[in-house]
Amino acid sequence: MNLRLLTTAASLCLFLTPKAHAILDVNGNGLSDLWEKQYNNQQLLPPEFDPQADPDHDGWTNAEEAAAG
């Protein structure tokens, strides 16, 4: 196998491999603590926060928005 083909194949494998992120959920609400801190002034969301709510009425739940990034 020539080097160019091997390099191209390796690049494609790296590009097409899905990336997995570790989920840290100390407060057990189903949302990544990293996401919560990023979008909540570096704080975890309060226990009454509902991941299934859609407070901005855009058709996406809080959990869906967190999963989408």
PDB file of N, CA and C in Angstrom:
ATOM      1  N   MET A   1       0.853  -1.165   0.000  1.00  0.00           N
ATOM      2  CA  MET A   1       0.000   0.000   0.000  1.00  0.00           C
ATOM      3  C   MET A   1       0.904   1.235   0.000  1.00  0.00           C
ATOM      4  N   ASN A   2       0.610   2.162  -0.861  1.00  0.00           N
ATOM      5  CA  ASN A   2       1.488   3.336  -0.913  1.00  0.00           C
ATOM      6  C   ASN A   2       1.196   4.297   0.243  1.00  0.00           C
ATOM      7  N   LEU A   3       2.154   5.119   0.545  1.00  0.00           N
ATOM      8  CA  LEU A   3       2.098   6.004   1.701  1.00  0.00           C
ATOM      9  C   LEU A   3       0.966   7.022   1.602  1.00  0.00           C
ATOM     10  N   ARG A   4       0.723   7.538   0.420  1.00  0.00           N
ATOM     11  CA  ARG A   4      -0.344   8.542   0.256  1.00  0.00           C
ATOM     12  C   ARG A   4      -1.716   7.934   0.546  1.00  0.00           C
ATOM     13  N   LEU A   5      -1.957   6.730   0.049  1.00  0.00           N
ATOM     14  CA  LEU A   5      -3.231   6.060   0.298  1.00  0.00           C
ATOM     15  C   LEU A   5      -3.390   5.755   1.788  1.00  0.00           C
ATOM     16  N   LEU A   6      -2.325   5.315   2.417  1.00  0.00           N
ATOM     17  CA  LEU A   6      -2.362   5.010   3.844  1.00  0.00           C
ATOM     18  C   LEU A   6      -2.629   6.273   4.661  1.00  0.00           C
ATOM     19  N   THR A   7      -1.993   7.362   4.311  1.00  0.00           N
ATOM     20  CA  THR A   7      -2.199   8.634   5.006  1.00  0.00           C
ATOM     21  C   THR A   7      -3.631   9.118   4.836  1.00  0.00           C
ATOM     22  N   THR A   8      -4.161   9.004   3.639  1.00  0.00           N
ATOM     23  CA  THR A   8      -5.547   9.414   3.376  1.00  0.00           C
ATOM     24  C   THR A   8      -6.522   8.558   4.168  1.00  0.00           C
ATOM     25  N   ALA A   9      -6.303   7.254   4.190  1.00  0.00           N
ATOM     26  CA  ALA A   9      -7.176   6.348   4.934  1.00  0.00           C
ATOM     27  C   ALA A   9      -7.131   6.657   6.426  1.00  0.00           C
ATOM     28  N   ALA A  10      -5.953   6.911   6.960  1.00  0.00           N
ATOM     29  CA  ALA A  10      -5.816   7.235   8.382  1.00  0.00           C
ATOM     30  C   ALA A  10      -6.521   8.544   8.706  1.00  0.00           C
ATOM     31  N   SER A  11      -6.393   9.529   7.837  1.00  0.00           N
ATOM     32  CA  SER A  11      -7.047  10.823   8.045  1.00  0.00           C
ATOM     33  C   SER A  11      -8.561  10.673   8.053  1.00  0.00           C
ATOM     34  N   LEU A  12      -9.080   9.879   7.135  1.00  0.00           N
ATOM     35  CA  LEU A  12     -10.523   9.638   7.081  1.00  0.00           C
ATOM     36  C   LEU A  12     -11.016   8.947   8.336  1.00  0.00           C
ATOM     37  N   CYS A  13     -10.260   7.989   8.826  1.00  0.00           N
ATOM     38  CA  CYS A  13     -10.650   7.288  10.055  1.00  0.00           C
ATOM     39  C   CYS A  13     -10.729   8.253  11.223  1.00  0.00           C
ATOM     40  N   LEU A  14      -9.761   9.142  11.348  1.00  0.00           N
ATOM     41  CA  LEU A  14      -9.778  10.118  12.435  1.00  0.00           C
ATOM     42  C   LEU A  14     -10.922  11.105  12.286  1.00  0.00           C
ATOM     43  N   PHE A  15     -11.187  11.518  11.054  1.00  0.00           N
ATOM     44  CA  PHE A  15     -12.240  12.492  10.790  1.00  0.00           C
ATOM     45  C   PHE A  15     -13.627  11.899  11.019  1.00  0.00           C
ATOM     46  N   LEU A  16     -13.829  10.645  10.632  1.00  0.00           N
ATOM     47  CA  LEU A  16     -15.149  10.030  10.705  1.00  0.00           C
ATOM     48  C   LEU A  16     -15.447   9.347  12.032  1.00  0.00           C
ATOM     49  N   THR A  17     -14.459   9.223  12.899  1.00  0.00           N
ATOM     50  CA  THR A  17     -14.679   8.587  14.193  1.00  0.00           C
ATOM     51  C   THR A  17     -15.430   9.548  15.103  1.00  0.00           C
ATOM     52  N   PRO A  18     -16.590   9.108  15.613  1.00  0.00           N
ATOM     53  CA  PRO A  18     -17.339   9.996  16.499  1.00  0.00           C
ATOM     54  C   PRO A  18     -16.559  10.247  17.790  1.00  0.00           C
ATOM     55  N   LYS A  19     -16.665  11.466  18.276  1.00  0.00           N
ATOM     56  CA  LYS A  19     -15.990  11.815  19.505  1.00  0.00           C
ATOM     57  C   LYS A  19     -16.940  11.608  20.681  1.00  0.00           C
ATOM     58  N   ALA A  20     -16.456  11.042  21.744  1.00  0.00           N
ATOM     59  CA  ALA A  20     -17.256  10.839  22.949  1.00  0.00           C
ATOM     60  C   ALA A  20     -16.733  11.768  24.030  1.00  0.00           C
ATOM     61  N   HIS A  21     -17.633  12.382  24.733  1.00  0.00           N
ATOM     62  CA  HIS A  21     -17.252  13.264  25.817  1.00  0.00           C
ATOM     63  C   HIS A  21     -17.683  12.628  27.131  1.00  0.00           C
ATOM     64  N   ALA A  22     -16.859  12.727  28.105  1.00  0.00           N
ATOM     65  CA  ALA A  22     -17.198  12.214  29.421  1.00  0.00           C
ATOM     66  C   ALA A  22     -18.297  13.083  30.010  1.00  0.00           C
ATOM     67  N   ILE A  23     -19.242  12.467  30.669  1.00  0.00           N
ATOM     68  CA  ILE A  23     -20.330  13.205  31.288  1.00  0.00           C
ATOM     69  C   ILE A  23     -20.112  13.208  32.792  1.00  0.00           C
ATOM     70  N   LEU A  24     -20.049  14.379  33.351  1.00  0.00           N
ATOM     71  CA  LEU A  24     -19.929  14.559  34.783  1.00  0.00           C
ATOM     72  C   LEU A  24     -21.237  15.175  35.233  1.00  0.00           C
ATOM     73  N   ASP A  25     -21.970  14.474  36.101  1.00  0.00           N
ATOM     74  CA  ASP A  25     -23.287  14.934  36.525  1.00  0.00           C
ATOM     75  C   ASP A  25     -23.428  14.744  38.032  1.00  0.00           C
ATOM     76  N   VAL A  26     -22.742  15.589  38.778  1.00  0.00           N
ATOM     77  CA  VAL A  26     -22.724  15.480  40.235  1.00  0.00           C
ATOM     78  C   VAL A  26     -24.116  15.665  40.838  1.00  0.00           C
ATOM     79  N   ASN A  27     -24.901  16.605  40.305  1.00  0.00           N
ATOM     80  CA  ASN A  27     -26.216  16.874  40.885  1.00  0.00           C
ATOM     81  C   ASN A  27     -27.317  15.961  40.341  1.00  0.00           C
ATOM     82  N   GLY A  28     -26.975  15.045  39.434  1.00  0.00           N
ATOM     83  CA  GLY A  28     -27.904  14.016  38.990  1.00  0.00           C
ATOM     84  C   GLY A  28     -29.128  14.495  38.229  1.00  0.00           C
ATOM     85  N   ASN A  29     -29.027  15.629  37.539  1.00  0.00           N
ATOM     86  CA  ASN A  29     -30.195  16.123  36.805  1.00  0.00           C
ATOM     87  C   ASN A  29     -30.200  15.707  35.338  1.00  0.00           C
ATOM     88  N   GLY A  30     -29.207  14.907  34.938  1.00  0.00           N
ATOM     89  CA  GLY A  30     -29.173  14.417  33.566  1.00  0.00           C
ATOM     90  C   GLY A  30     -28.442  15.320  32.593  1.00  0.00           C
ATOM     91  N   LEU A  31     -27.920  16.435  33.078  1.00  0.00           N
ATOM     92  CA  LEU A  31     -27.174  17.364  32.235  1.00  0.00           C
ATOM     93  C   LEU A  31     -25.708  17.362  32.647  1.00  0.00           C
ATOM     94  N   SER A  32     -24.843  17.549  31.686  1.00  0.00           N
ATOM     95  CA  SER A  32     -23.417  17.624  31.962  1.00  0.00           C
ATOM     96  C   SER A  32     -23.124  18.832  32.850  1.00  0.00           C
ATOM     97  N   ASP A  33     -22.386  18.606  33.927  1.00  0.00           N
ATOM     98  CA  ASP A  33     -22.009  19.714  34.802  1.00  0.00           C
ATOM     99  C   ASP A  33     -21.154  20.731  34.064  1.00  0.00           C
ATOM    100  N   LEU A  34     -20.369  20.277  33.096  1.00  0.00           N
ATOM    101  CA  LEU A  34     -19.555  21.205  32.306  1.00  0.00           C
ATOM    102  C   LEU A  34     -20.450  22.152  31.513  1.00  0.00           C
ATOM    103  N   TRP A  35     -21.533  21.611  30.929  1.00  0.00           N
ATOM    104  CA  TRP A  35     -22.475  22.443  30.186  1.00  0.00           C
ATOM    105  C   TRP A  35     -23.172  23.409  31.133  1.00  0.00           C
ATOM    106  N   GLU A  36     -23.609  22.899  32.289  1.00  0.00           N
ATOM    107  CA  GLU A  36     -24.297  23.753  33.255  1.00  0.00           C
ATOM    108  C   GLU A  36     -23.427  24.930  33.662  1.00  0.00           C
ATOM    109  N   LYS A  37     -22.161  24.659  33.962  1.00  0.00           N
ATOM    110  CA  LYS A  37     -21.268  25.734  34.386  1.00  0.00           C
ATOM    111  C   LYS A  37     -21.001  26.729  33.261  1.00  0.00           C
ATOM    112  N   GLN A  38     -20.912  26.235  32.037  1.00  0.00           N
ATOM    113  CA  GLN A  38     -20.658  27.130  30.914  1.00  0.00           C
ATOM    114  C   GLN A  38     -21.812  28.101  30.694  1.00  0.00           C
ATOM    115  N   TYR A  39     -23.043  27.622  30.881  1.00  0.00           N
ATOM    116  CA  TYR A  39     -24.209  28.454  30.594  1.00  0.00           C
ATOM    117  C   TYR A  39     -24.924  28.967  31.846  1.00  0.00           C
ATOM    118  N   ASN A  40     -24.293  28.803  33.020  1.00  0.00           N
ATOM    119  CA  ASN A  40     -24.921  29.270  34.255  1.00  0.00           C
ATOM    120  C   ASN A  40     -23.890  29.949  35.160  1.00  0.00           C
ATOM    121  N   ASN A  41     -23.098  30.835  34.614  1.00  0.00           N
ATOM    122  CA  ASN A  41     -22.157  31.647  35.380  1.00  0.00           C
ATOM    123  C   ASN A  41     -21.239  30.804  36.267  1.00  0.00           C
ATOM    124  N   GLN A  42     -20.720  29.711  35.706  1.00  0.00           N
ATOM    125  CA  GLN A  42     -19.781  28.814  36.386  1.00  0.00           C
ATOM    126  C   GLN A  42     -20.378  28.124  37.614  1.00  0.00           C
ATOM    127  N   GLN A  43     -21.708  28.013  37.662  1.00  0.00           N
ATOM    128  CA  GLN A  43     -22.393  27.352  38.773  1.00  0.00           C
ATOM    129  C   GLN A  43     -23.216  26.175  38.266  1.00  0.00           C
ATOM    130  N   LEU A  44     -23.405  25.167  39.134  1.00  0.00           N
ATOM    131  CA  LEU A  44     -24.347  24.100  38.790  1.00  0.00           C
ATOM    132  C   LEU A  44     -25.752  24.651  38.925  1.00  0.00           C
ATOM    133  N   LEU A  45     -26.652  24.126  38.133  1.00  0.00           N
ATOM    134  CA  LEU A  45     -28.035  24.587  38.185  1.00  0.00           C
ATOM    135  C   LEU A  45     -28.691  24.098  39.473  1.00  0.00           C
ATOM    136  N   PRO A  46     -29.684  24.823  39.978  1.00  0.00           N
ATOM    137  CA  PRO A  46     -30.339  24.429  41.224  1.00  0.00           C
ATOM    138  C   PRO A  46     -31.117  23.123  41.056  1.00  0.00           C
ATOM    139  N   PRO A  47     -31.377  22.419  42.161  1.00  0.00           N
ATOM    140  CA  PRO A  47     -32.078  21.127  42.092  1.00  0.00           C
ATOM    141  C   PRO A  47     -33.450  21.198  41.417  1.00  0.00           C
ATOM    142  N   GLU A  48     -34.122  22.329  41.503  1.00  0.00           N
ATOM    143  CA  GLU A  48     -35.457  22.452  40.896  1.00  0.00           C
ATOM    144  C   GLU A  48     -35.415  22.687  39.389  1.00  0.00           C
ATOM    145  N   PHE A  49     -34.216  22.830  38.823  1.00  0.00           N
ATOM    146  CA  PHE A  49     -34.074  23.005  37.377  1.00  0.00           C
ATOM    147  C   PHE A  49     -34.586  21.764  36.653  1.00  0.00           C
ATOM    148  N   ASP A  50     -35.451  21.946  35.682  1.00  0.00           N
ATOM    149  CA  ASP A  50     -36.064  20.836  34.949  1.00  0.00           C
ATOM    150  C   ASP A  50     -35.422  20.683  33.569  1.00  0.00           C
ATOM    151  N   PRO A  51     -34.651  19.585  33.341  1.00  0.00           N
ATOM    152  CA  PRO A  51     -34.022  19.376  32.045  1.00  0.00           C
ATOM    153  C   PRO A  51     -35.032  19.196  30.909  1.00  0.00           C
ATOM    154  N   GLN A  52     -36.273  18.839  31.238  1.00  0.00           N
ATOM    155  CA  GLN A  52     -37.284  18.627  30.206  1.00  0.00           C
ATOM    156  C   GLN A  52     -38.089  19.882  29.892  1.00  0.00           C
ATOM    157  N   ALA A  53     -37.820  20.966  30.598  1.00  0.00           N
ATOM    158  CA  ALA A  53     -38.534  22.230  30.358  1.00  0.00           C
ATOM    159  C   ALA A  53     -37.996  22.930  29.110  1.00  0.00           C
ATOM    160  N   ASP A  54     -38.788  23.816  28.569  1.00  0.00           N
ATOM    161  CA  ASP A  54     -38.408  24.630  27.412  1.00  0.00           C
ATOM    162  C   ASP A  54     -38.710  26.095  27.737  1.00  0.00           C
ATOM    163  N   PRO A  55     -37.927  26.691  28.648  1.00  0.00           N
ATOM    164  CA  PRO A  55     -38.250  28.040  29.107  1.00  0.00           C
ATOM    165  C   PRO A  55     -38.152  29.123  28.036  1.00  0.00           C
ATOM    166  N   ASP A  56     -37.364  28.890  27.001  1.00  0.00           N
ATOM    167  CA  ASP A  56     -37.268  29.908  25.950  1.00  0.00           C
ATOM    168  C   ASP A  56     -38.229  29.638  24.790  1.00  0.00           C
ATOM    169  N   HIS A  57     -39.051  28.597  24.927  1.00  0.00           N
ATOM    170  CA  HIS A  57     -40.119  28.273  23.968  1.00  0.00           C
ATOM    171  C   HIS A  57     -39.630  28.173  22.521  1.00  0.00           C
ATOM    172  N   ASP A  58     -38.466  27.537  22.338  1.00  0.00           N
ATOM    173  CA  ASP A  58     -37.941  27.369  20.994  1.00  0.00           C
ATOM    174  C   ASP A  58     -38.169  25.960  20.442  1.00  0.00           C
ATOM    175  N   GLY A  59     -38.883  25.131  21.208  1.00  0.00           N
ATOM    176  CA  GLY A  59     -39.175  23.772  20.757  1.00  0.00           C
ATOM    177  C   GLY A  59     -38.114  22.759  21.171  1.00  0.00           C
ATOM    178  N   TRP A  60     -37.084  23.206  21.861  1.00  0.00           N
ATOM    179  CA  TRP A  60     -36.010  22.335  22.334  1.00  0.00           C
ATOM    180  C   TRP A  60     -36.013  22.353  23.856  1.00  0.00           C
ATOM    181  N   THR A  61     -35.990  21.171  24.471  1.00  0.00           N
ATOM    182  CA  THR A  61     -35.894  21.128  25.922  1.00  0.00           C
ATOM    183  C   THR A  61     -34.481  21.520  26.352  1.00  0.00           C
ATOM    184  N   ASN A  62     -34.334  21.835  27.620  1.00  0.00           N
ATOM    185  CA  ASN A  62     -33.005  22.142  28.150  1.00  0.00           C
ATOM    186  C   ASN A  62     -32.035  20.994  27.896  1.00  0.00           C
ATOM    187  N   ALA A  63     -32.488  19.751  28.054  1.00  0.00           N
ATOM    188  CA  ALA A  63     -31.637  18.583  27.835  1.00  0.00           C
ATOM    189  C   ALA A  63     -31.231  18.484  26.371  1.00  0.00           C
ATOM    190  N   GLU A  64     -32.162  18.761  25.447  1.00  0.00           N
ATOM    191  CA  GLU A  64     -31.834  18.716  24.028  1.00  0.00           C
ATOM    192  C   GLU A  64     -30.829  19.803  23.650  1.00  0.00           C
ATOM    193  N   GLU A  65     -30.997  20.979  24.223  1.00  0.00           N
ATOM    194  CA  GLU A  65     -30.055  22.062  23.953  1.00  0.00           C
ATOM    195  C   GLU A  65     -28.668  21.727  24.499  1.00  0.00           C
ATOM    196  N   ALA A  66     -28.633  21.100  25.668  1.00  0.00           N
ATOM    197  CA  ALA A  66     -27.343  20.704  26.248  1.00  0.00           C
ATOM    198  C   ALA A  66     -26.662  19.650  25.380  1.00  0.00           C
ATOM    199  N   ALA A  67     -27.431  18.678  24.892  1.00  0.00           N
ATOM    200  CA  ALA A  67     -26.865  17.623  24.045  1.00  0.00           C
ATOM    201  C   ALA A  67     -26.377  18.183  22.711  1.00  0.00           C
ATOM    202  N   ALA A  68     -27.071  19.191  22.209  1.00  0.00           N
ATOM    203  CA  ALA A  68     -26.690  19.794  20.929  1.00  0.00           C
ATOM    204  C   ALA A  68     -25.487  20.727  21.075  1.00  0.00           C
ATOM    205  N   GLY A  69     -25.159  21.069  22.303  1.00  0.00           N
ATOM    206  CA  GLY A  69     -24.008  21.950  22.538  1.00  0.00           C
ATOM    207  C   GLY A  69     -24.400  23.394  22.527  1.00  0.00           C
TER     208      GLY A  69
END
